Full PDB file with SEQRES, HELIX, SHEET, SSBOND, CRYST1, ORIGX, SCALE, CONECT and MASTER records, all heavy atoms in Angstrom:
SEQRES   1 A   31  TYR GLN LEU VAL VAL ALA ALA ASP VAL LEU GLU HIS VAL          
SEQRES   2 A   31  ARG ASP PRO ALA ARG LEU LEU GLY ASP VAL ARG ALA HIS          
SEQRES   3 A   31  LEU ALA PRO GLY GLY                                          
HELIX    1 AA1 LEU A   10  HIS A   12  5                                   3    
HELIX    2 AA2 PRO A   16  ALA A   25  1                                  10    
CRYST1    1.000    1.000    1.000  90.00  90.00  90.00 P 1           1          
ORIGX1      1.000000  0.000000  0.000000        0.00000                         
ORIGX2      0.000000  1.000000  0.000000        0.00000                         
ORIGX3      0.000000  0.000000  1.000000        0.00000                         
SCALE1      1.000000  0.000000  0.000000        0.00000                         
SCALE2      0.000000  1.000000  0.000000        0.00000                         
SCALE3      0.000000  0.000000  1.000000        0.00000                         
ATOM      1  N   TYR A   1      98.080 105.428 109.852  1.00  0.00           N  
ATOM      2  CA  TYR A   1      98.306 104.567 108.697  1.00  0.00           C  
ATOM      3  C   TYR A   1      98.316 103.105 109.117  1.00  0.00           C  
ATOM      4  O   TYR A   1      98.816 102.747 110.183  1.00  0.00           O  
ATOM      5  CB  TYR A   1      99.633 104.920 108.023  1.00  0.00           C  
ATOM      6  CG  TYR A   1      99.673 106.333 107.494  1.00  0.00           C  
ATOM      7  CD1 TYR A   1     100.112 107.379 108.307  1.00  0.00           C  
ATOM      8  CD2 TYR A   1      99.234 106.632 106.213  1.00  0.00           C  
ATOM      9  CE1 TYR A   1     100.124 108.686 107.839  1.00  0.00           C  
ATOM     10  CE2 TYR A   1      99.249 107.929 105.737  1.00  0.00           C  
ATOM     11  CZ  TYR A   1      99.689 108.951 106.554  1.00  0.00           C  
ATOM     12  OH  TYR A   1      99.695 110.244 106.089  1.00  0.00           O  
ATOM     13  N   GLN A   2      97.747 102.259 108.237  1.00  0.00           N  
ATOM     14  CA  GLN A   2      97.779 100.821 108.480  1.00  0.00           C  
ATOM     15  C   GLN A   2      99.152 100.228 108.183  1.00  0.00           C  
ATOM     16  O   GLN A   2      99.525  99.206 108.727  1.00  0.00           O  
ATOM     17  CB  GLN A   2      96.729 100.095 107.617  1.00  0.00           C  
ATOM     18  CG  GLN A   2      95.304 100.231 108.110  1.00  0.00           C  
ATOM     19  CD  GLN A   2      94.694 101.551 107.653  1.00  0.00           C  
ATOM     20  OE1 GLN A   2      95.030 102.056 106.589  1.00  0.00           O  
ATOM     21  NE2 GLN A   2      93.797 102.096 108.447  1.00  0.00           N  
ATOM     22  N   LEU A   3      99.888 100.879 107.287  1.00  0.00           N  
ATOM     23  CA  LEU A   3     101.195 100.366 106.901  1.00  0.00           C  
ATOM     24  C   LEU A   3     102.149 101.521 106.650  1.00  0.00           C  
ATOM     25  O   LEU A   3     101.803 102.465 105.954  1.00  0.00           O  
ATOM     26  CB  LEU A   3     101.078  99.514 105.626  1.00  0.00           C  
ATOM     27  CG  LEU A   3     102.379  98.914 105.078  1.00  0.00           C  
ATOM     28  CD1 LEU A   3     102.941  97.891 106.054  1.00  0.00           C  
ATOM     29  CD2 LEU A   3     102.144  98.275 103.716  1.00  0.00           C  
ATOM     30  N   VAL A   4     103.324 101.437 107.234  1.00  0.00           N  
ATOM     31  CA  VAL A   4     104.388 102.407 106.982  1.00  0.00           C  
ATOM     32  C   VAL A   4     105.571 101.645 106.386  1.00  0.00           C  
ATOM     33  O   VAL A   4     105.991 100.617 106.927  1.00  0.00           O  
ATOM     34  CB  VAL A   4     104.818 103.130 108.268  1.00  0.00           C  
ATOM     35  CG1 VAL A   4     106.028 104.027 107.998  1.00  0.00           C  
ATOM     36  CG2 VAL A   4     103.664 103.961 108.826  1.00  0.00           C  
ATOM     37  N   VAL A   5     106.079 102.123 105.263  1.00  0.00           N  
ATOM     38  CA  VAL A   5     107.209 101.489 104.586  1.00  0.00           C  
ATOM     39  C   VAL A   5     108.454 102.350 104.773  1.00  0.00           C  
ATOM     40  O   VAL A   5     108.447 103.535 104.440  1.00  0.00           O  
ATOM     41  CB  VAL A   5     106.916 101.311 103.077  1.00  0.00           C  
ATOM     42  CG1 VAL A   5     108.108 100.661 102.376  1.00  0.00           C  
ATOM     43  CG2 VAL A   5     105.652 100.481 102.860  1.00  0.00           C  
ATOM     44  N   ALA A   6     109.483 101.754 105.328  1.00  0.00           N  
ATOM     45  CA  ALA A   6     110.769 102.432 105.489  1.00  0.00           C  
ATOM     46  C   ALA A   6     111.829 101.559 104.824  1.00  0.00           C  
ATOM     47  O   ALA A   6     112.542 100.800 105.481  1.00  0.00           O  
ATOM     48  CB  ALA A   6     111.082 102.662 106.958  1.00  0.00           C  
ATOM     49  N   ALA A   7     111.890 101.642 103.508  1.00  0.00           N  
ATOM     50  CA  ALA A   7     112.794 100.804 102.721  1.00  0.00           C  
ATOM     51  C   ALA A   7     114.123 101.525 102.536  1.00  0.00           C  
ATOM     52  O   ALA A   7     114.182 102.549 101.865  1.00  0.00           O  
ATOM     53  CB  ALA A   7     112.163 100.489 101.358  1.00  0.00           C  
ATOM     54  N   ASP A   8     115.176 100.989 103.141  1.00  0.00           N  
ATOM     55  CA  ASP A   8     116.517 101.576 103.037  1.00  0.00           C  
ATOM     56  C   ASP A   8     116.504 103.045 103.454  1.00  0.00           C  
ATOM     57  O   ASP A   8     117.020 103.914 102.748  1.00  0.00           O  
ATOM     58  CB  ASP A   8     117.054 101.433 101.612  1.00  0.00           C  
ATOM     59  CG  ASP A   8     117.187  99.978 101.197  1.00  0.00           C  
ATOM     60  OD1 ASP A   8     117.266  99.118 102.080  1.00  0.00           O  
ATOM     61  OD2 ASP A   8     117.201  99.700  99.983  1.00  0.00           O  
ATOM     62  N   VAL A   9     115.922 103.313 104.604  1.00  0.00           N  
ATOM     63  CA  VAL A   9     115.792 104.680 105.107  1.00  0.00           C  
ATOM     64  C   VAL A   9     116.554 104.882 106.411  1.00  0.00           C  
ATOM     65  O   VAL A   9     117.293 105.861 106.567  1.00  0.00           O  
ATOM     66  CB  VAL A   9     114.301 105.037 105.309  1.00  0.00           C  
ATOM     67  CG1 VAL A   9     114.157 106.339 106.084  1.00  0.00           C  
ATOM     68  CG2 VAL A   9     113.587 105.134 103.970  1.00  0.00           C  
ATOM     69  N   LEU A  10     116.411 103.961 107.351  1.00  0.00           N  
ATOM     70  CA  LEU A  10     116.918 104.193 108.706  1.00  0.00           C  
ATOM     71  C   LEU A  10     118.426 104.350 108.759  1.00  0.00           C  
ATOM     72  O   LEU A  10     118.948 105.035 109.642  1.00  0.00           O  
ATOM     73  CB  LEU A  10     116.471 103.062 109.624  1.00  0.00           C  
ATOM     74  CG  LEU A  10     114.961 102.945 109.840  1.00  0.00           C  
ATOM     75  CD1 LEU A  10     114.641 101.759 110.730  1.00  0.00           C  
ATOM     76  CD2 LEU A  10     114.393 104.233 110.433  1.00  0.00           C  
ATOM     77  N   GLU A  11     119.138 103.741 107.819  1.00  0.00           N  
ATOM     78  CA  GLU A  11     120.595 103.893 107.805  1.00  0.00           C  
ATOM     79  C   GLU A  11     121.034 105.266 107.309  1.00  0.00           C  
ATOM     80  O   GLU A  11     122.219 105.617 107.395  1.00  0.00           O  
ATOM     81  CB  GLU A  11     121.237 102.794 106.943  1.00  0.00           C  
ATOM     82  CG  GLU A  11     120.899 102.858 105.477  1.00  0.00           C  
ATOM     83  CD  GLU A  11     119.641 102.095 105.105  1.00  0.00           C  
ATOM     84  OE1 GLU A  11     118.817 101.822 106.016  1.00  0.00           O  
ATOM     85  OE2 GLU A  11     119.480 101.762 103.926  1.00  0.00           O  
ATOM     86  N   HIS A  12     120.076 106.068 106.808  1.00  0.00           N  
ATOM     87  CA  HIS A  12     120.395 107.399 106.290  1.00  0.00           C  
ATOM     88  C   HIS A  12     120.085 108.522 107.277  1.00  0.00           C  
ATOM     89  O   HIS A  12     120.309 109.689 106.963  1.00  0.00           O  
ATOM     90  CB  HIS A  12     119.626 107.652 104.985  1.00  0.00           C  
ATOM     91  CG  HIS A  12     120.081 106.801 103.844  1.00  0.00           C  
ATOM     92  ND1 HIS A  12     121.150 107.130 103.033  1.00  0.00           N  
ATOM     93  CD2 HIS A  12     119.605 105.614 103.379  1.00  0.00           C  
ATOM     94  CE1 HIS A  12     121.316 106.197 102.122  1.00  0.00           C  
ATOM     95  NE2 HIS A  12     120.404 105.258 102.300  1.00  0.00           N  
ATOM     96  N   VAL A  13     119.536 108.186 108.443  1.00  0.00           N  
ATOM     97  CA  VAL A  13     119.197 109.225 109.418  1.00  0.00           C  
ATOM     98  C   VAL A  13     120.064 109.073 110.659  1.00  0.00           C  
ATOM     99  O   VAL A  13     120.465 107.966 111.031  1.00  0.00           O  
ATOM    100  CB  VAL A  13     117.700 109.193 109.797  1.00  0.00           C  
ATOM    101  CG1 VAL A  13     116.831 109.489 108.589  1.00  0.00           C  
ATOM    102  CG2 VAL A  13     117.314 107.861 110.416  1.00  0.00           C  
ATOM    103  N   ARG A  14     120.323 110.197 111.314  1.00  0.00           N  
ATOM    104  CA  ARG A  14     121.225 110.180 112.457  1.00  0.00           C  
ATOM    105  C   ARG A  14     120.592 109.555 113.696  1.00  0.00           C  
ATOM    106  O   ARG A  14     121.292 108.975 114.523  1.00  0.00           O  
ATOM    107  CB  ARG A  14     121.681 111.612 112.780  1.00  0.00           C  
ATOM    108  CG  ARG A  14     122.587 112.222 111.716  1.00  0.00           C  
ATOM    109  CD  ARG A  14     123.199 113.537 112.191  1.00  0.00           C  
ATOM    110  NE  ARG A  14     122.194 114.545 112.460  1.00  0.00           N  
ATOM    111  CZ  ARG A  14     121.740 115.401 111.548  1.00  0.00           C  
ATOM    112  NH1 ARG A  14     122.201 115.364 110.311  1.00  0.00           N  
ATOM    113  NH2 ARG A  14     120.833 116.307 111.861  1.00  0.00           N  
ATOM    114  N   ASP A  15     119.280 109.678 113.839  1.00  0.00           N  
ATOM    115  CA  ASP A  15     118.607 109.152 115.026  1.00  0.00           C  
ATOM    116  C   ASP A  15     117.444 108.257 114.595  1.00  0.00           C  
ATOM    117  O   ASP A  15     116.281 108.671 114.648  1.00  0.00           O  
ATOM    118  CB  ASP A  15     118.102 110.315 115.892  1.00  0.00           C  
ATOM    119  CG  ASP A  15     117.627 109.852 117.262  1.00  0.00           C  
ATOM    120  OD1 ASP A  15     117.536 108.637 117.486  1.00  0.00           O  
ATOM    121  OD2 ASP A  15     117.342 110.720 118.112  1.00  0.00           O  
ATOM    122  N   PRO A  16     117.726 107.024 114.170  1.00  0.00           N  
ATOM    123  CA  PRO A  16     116.640 106.138 113.713  1.00  0.00           C  
ATOM    124  C   PRO A  16     115.654 105.786 114.815  1.00  0.00           C  
ATOM    125  O   PRO A  16     114.484 105.526 114.531  1.00  0.00           O  
ATOM    126  CB  PRO A  16     117.390 104.900 113.208  1.00  0.00           C  
ATOM    127  CG  PRO A  16     118.723 104.943 113.867  1.00  0.00           C  
ATOM    128  CD  PRO A  16     119.052 106.387 114.047  1.00  0.00           C  
ATOM    129  N   ALA A  17     116.098 105.788 116.080  1.00  0.00           N  
ATOM    130  CA  ALA A  17     115.172 105.492 117.170  1.00  0.00           C  
ATOM    131  C   ALA A  17     114.079 106.552 117.257  1.00  0.00           C  
ATOM    132  O   ALA A  17     112.903 106.244 117.481  1.00  0.00           O  
ATOM    133  CB  ALA A  17     115.935 105.405 118.488  1.00  0.00           C  
ATOM    134  N   ARG A  18     114.470 107.806 117.071  1.00  0.00           N  
ATOM    135  CA  ARG A  18     113.481 108.885 117.097  1.00  0.00           C  
ATOM    136  C   ARG A  18     112.486 108.745 115.955  1.00  0.00           C  
ATOM    137  O   ARG A  18     111.274 108.913 116.141  1.00  0.00           O  
ATOM    138  CB  ARG A  18     114.182 110.226 117.006  1.00  0.00           C  
ATOM    139  CG  ARG A  18     113.218 111.403 116.880  1.00  0.00           C  
ATOM    140  CD  ARG A  18     113.942 112.699 116.579  1.00  0.00           C  
ATOM    141  NE  ARG A  18     113.002 113.788 116.362  1.00  0.00           N  
ATOM    142  CZ  ARG A  18     113.355 115.019 116.007  1.00  0.00           C  
ATOM    143  NH1 ARG A  18     114.636 115.313 115.852  1.00  0.00           N  
ATOM    144  NH2 ARG A  18     112.455 115.953 115.820  1.00  0.00           N  
ATOM    145  N   LEU A  19     112.988 108.405 114.767  1.00  0.00           N  
ATOM    146  CA  LEU A  19     112.108 108.256 113.613  1.00  0.00           C  
ATOM    147  C   LEU A  19     111.144 107.101 113.813  1.00  0.00           C  
ATOM    148  O   LEU A  19     109.949 107.218 113.513  1.00  0.00           O  
ATOM    149  CB  LEU A  19     112.929 108.050 112.348  1.00  0.00           C  
ATOM    150  CG  LEU A  19     112.144 107.939 111.036  1.00  0.00           C  
ATOM    151  CD1 LEU A  19     111.285 109.182 110.810  1.00  0.00           C  
ATOM    152  CD2 LEU A  19     113.087 107.723 109.857  1.00  0.00           C  
ATOM    153  N   LEU A  20     111.626 105.983 114.362  1.00  0.00           N  
ATOM    154  CA  LEU A  20     110.731 104.859 114.634  1.00  0.00           C  
ATOM    155  C   LEU A  20     109.677 105.230 115.674  1.00  0.00           C  
ATOM    156  O   LEU A  20     108.522 104.797 115.587  1.00  0.00           O  
ATOM    157  CB  LEU A  20     111.534 103.652 115.112  1.00  0.00           C  
ATOM    158  CG  LEU A  20     112.261 102.840 114.042  1.00  0.00           C  
ATOM    159  CD1 LEU A  20     113.119 101.757 114.693  1.00  0.00           C  
ATOM    160  CD2 LEU A  20     111.276 102.225 113.054  1.00  0.00           C  
ATOM    161  N   GLY A  21     110.068 106.049 116.647  1.00  0.00           N  
ATOM    162  CA  GLY A  21     109.091 106.515 117.634  1.00  0.00           C  
ATOM    163  C   GLY A  21     108.012 107.369 117.003  1.00  0.00           C  
ATOM    164  O   GLY A  21     106.823 107.240 117.334  1.00  0.00           O  
ATOM    165  N   ASP A  22     108.399 108.232 116.062  1.00  0.00           N  
ATOM    166  CA  ASP A  22     107.419 109.046 115.346  1.00  0.00           C  
ATOM    167  C   ASP A  22     106.484 108.164 114.519  1.00  0.00           C  
ATOM    168  O   ASP A  22     105.267 108.403 114.458  1.00  0.00           O  
ATOM    169  CB  ASP A  22     108.127 110.037 114.411  1.00  0.00           C  
ATOM    170  CG  ASP A  22     108.792 111.177 115.172  1.00  0.00           C  
ATOM    171  OD1 ASP A  22     108.591 111.274 116.391  1.00  0.00           O  
ATOM    172  OD2 ASP A  22     109.521 111.963 114.532  1.00  0.00           O  
ATOM    173  N   VAL A  23     107.060 107.167 113.874  1.00  0.00           N  
ATOM    174  CA  VAL A  23     106.249 106.248 113.072  1.00  0.00           C  
ATOM    175  C   VAL A  23     105.238 105.522 113.952  1.00  0.00           C  
ATOM    176  O   VAL A  23     104.056 105.383 113.594  1.00  0.00           O  
ATOM    177  CB  VAL A  23     107.163 105.232 112.345  1.00  0.00           C  
ATOM    178  CG1 VAL A  23     106.351 104.073 111.785  1.00  0.00           C  
ATOM    179  CG2 VAL A  23     107.940 105.919 111.224  1.00  0.00           C  
ATOM    180  N   ARG A  24     105.677 105.069 115.101  1.00  0.00           N  
ATOM    181  CA  ARG A  24     104.781 104.348 116.020  1.00  0.00           C  
ATOM    182  C   ARG A  24     103.592 105.222 116.412  1.00  0.00           C  
ATOM    183  O   ARG A  24     102.465 104.736 116.542  1.00  0.00           O  
ATOM    184  CB  ARG A  24     105.573 103.921 117.260  1.00  0.00           C  
ATOM    185  CG  ARG A  24     104.866 102.926 118.155  1.00  0.00           C  
ATOM    186  CD  ARG A  24     105.816 102.446 119.257  1.00  0.00           C  
ATOM    187  NE  ARG A  24     105.223 101.383 120.034  1.00  0.00           N  
ATOM    188  CZ  ARG A  24     104.441 101.575 121.093  1.00  0.00           C  
ATOM    189  NH1 ARG A  24     104.176 102.811 121.490  1.00  0.00           N  
ATOM    190  NH2 ARG A  24     103.940 100.557 121.747  1.00  0.00           N  
ATOM    191  N   ALA A  25     103.832 106.505 116.588  1.00  0.00           N  
ATOM    192  CA  ALA A  25     102.763 107.418 116.993  1.00  0.00           C  
ATOM    193  C   ALA A  25     101.727 107.602 115.898  1.00  0.00           C  
ATOM    194  O   ALA A  25     100.599 108.028 116.179  1.00  0.00           O  
ATOM    195  CB  ALA A  25     103.359 108.762 117.389  1.00  0.00           C  
ATOM    196  N   HIS A  26     102.088 107.304 114.643  1.00  0.00           N  
ATOM    197  CA  HIS A  26     101.170 107.501 113.525  1.00  0.00           C  
ATOM    198  C   HIS A  26     100.583 106.197 113.003  1.00  0.00           C  
ATOM    199  O   HIS A  26      99.930 106.192 111.951  1.00  0.00           O  
ATOM    200  CB  HIS A  26     101.877 108.237 112.385  1.00  0.00           C  
ATOM    201  CG  HIS A  26     102.094 109.692 112.661  1.00  0.00           C  
ATOM    202  ND1 HIS A  26     101.089 110.636 112.527  1.00  0.00           N  
ATOM    203  CD2 HIS A  26     103.188 110.367 113.084  1.00  0.00           C  
ATOM    204  CE1 HIS A  26     101.565 111.829 112.844  1.00  0.00           C  
ATOM    205  NE2 HIS A  26     102.837 111.693 113.190  1.00  0.00           N  
ATOM    206  N   LEU A  27     100.801 105.087 113.707  1.00  0.00           N  
ATOM    207  CA  LEU A  27     100.224 103.817 113.280  1.00  0.00           C  
ATOM    208  C   LEU A  27      98.783 103.688 113.762  1.00  0.00           C  
ATOM    209  O   LEU A  27      98.476 103.980 114.924  1.00  0.00           O  
ATOM    210  CB  LEU A  27     101.031 102.646 113.827  1.00  0.00           C  
ATOM    211  CG  LEU A  27     102.280 102.215 113.075  1.00  0.00           C  
ATOM    212  CD1 LEU A  27     102.899 101.008 113.771  1.00  0.00           C  
ATOM    213  CD2 LEU A  27     101.985 101.896 111.615  1.00  0.00           C  
ATOM    214  N   ALA A  28      97.915 103.242 112.881  1.00  0.00           N  
ATOM    215  CA  ALA A  28      96.547 102.931 113.273  1.00  0.00           C  
ATOM    216  C   ALA A  28      96.550 101.641 114.094  1.00  0.00           C  
ATOM    217  O   ALA A  28      97.526 100.874 114.061  1.00  0.00           O  
ATOM    218  CB  ALA A  28      95.682 102.760 112.025  1.00  0.00           C  
ATOM    219  N   PRO A  29      95.489 101.378 114.851  1.00  0.00           N  
ATOM    220  CA  PRO A  29      95.415 100.113 115.589  1.00  0.00           C  
ATOM    221  C   PRO A  29      95.608  98.930 114.643  1.00  0.00           C  
ATOM    222  O   PRO A  29      94.986  98.852 113.590  1.00  0.00           O  
ATOM    223  CB  PRO A  29      94.001 100.137 116.176  1.00  0.00           C  
ATOM    224  CG  PRO A  29      93.688 101.598 116.319  1.00  0.00           C  
ATOM    225  CD  PRO A  29      94.334 102.253 115.138  1.00  0.00           C  
ATOM    226  N   GLY A  30      96.480  98.017 115.018  1.00  0.00           N  
ATOM    227  CA  GLY A  30      96.778  96.868 114.168  1.00  0.00           C  
ATOM    228  C   GLY A  30      97.743  97.174 113.046  1.00  0.00           C  
ATOM    229  O   GLY A  30      97.998  96.317 112.198  1.00  0.00           O  
ATOM    230  N   GLY A  31      98.303  98.397 113.023  1.00  0.00           N  
ATOM    231  CA  GLY A  31      99.196  98.796 111.943  1.00  0.00           C  
ATOM    232  C   GLY A  31     100.529  98.077 111.987  1.00  0.00           C  
ATOM    233  O   GLY A  31     100.936  97.528 113.013  1.00  0.00           O  
TER     234      GLY A  31                                                      
MASTER        0    0    0    2    0    0    0    6  233    1    0    3          
END                                                                             
């Protein structure tokens, strides 16, 4: 994906670092 939106999400998960790592793996170049 070129853009990932996480609006008021990370404060609701127990391991936001893991979720951000997953998001990074799904970013297209320049995302």
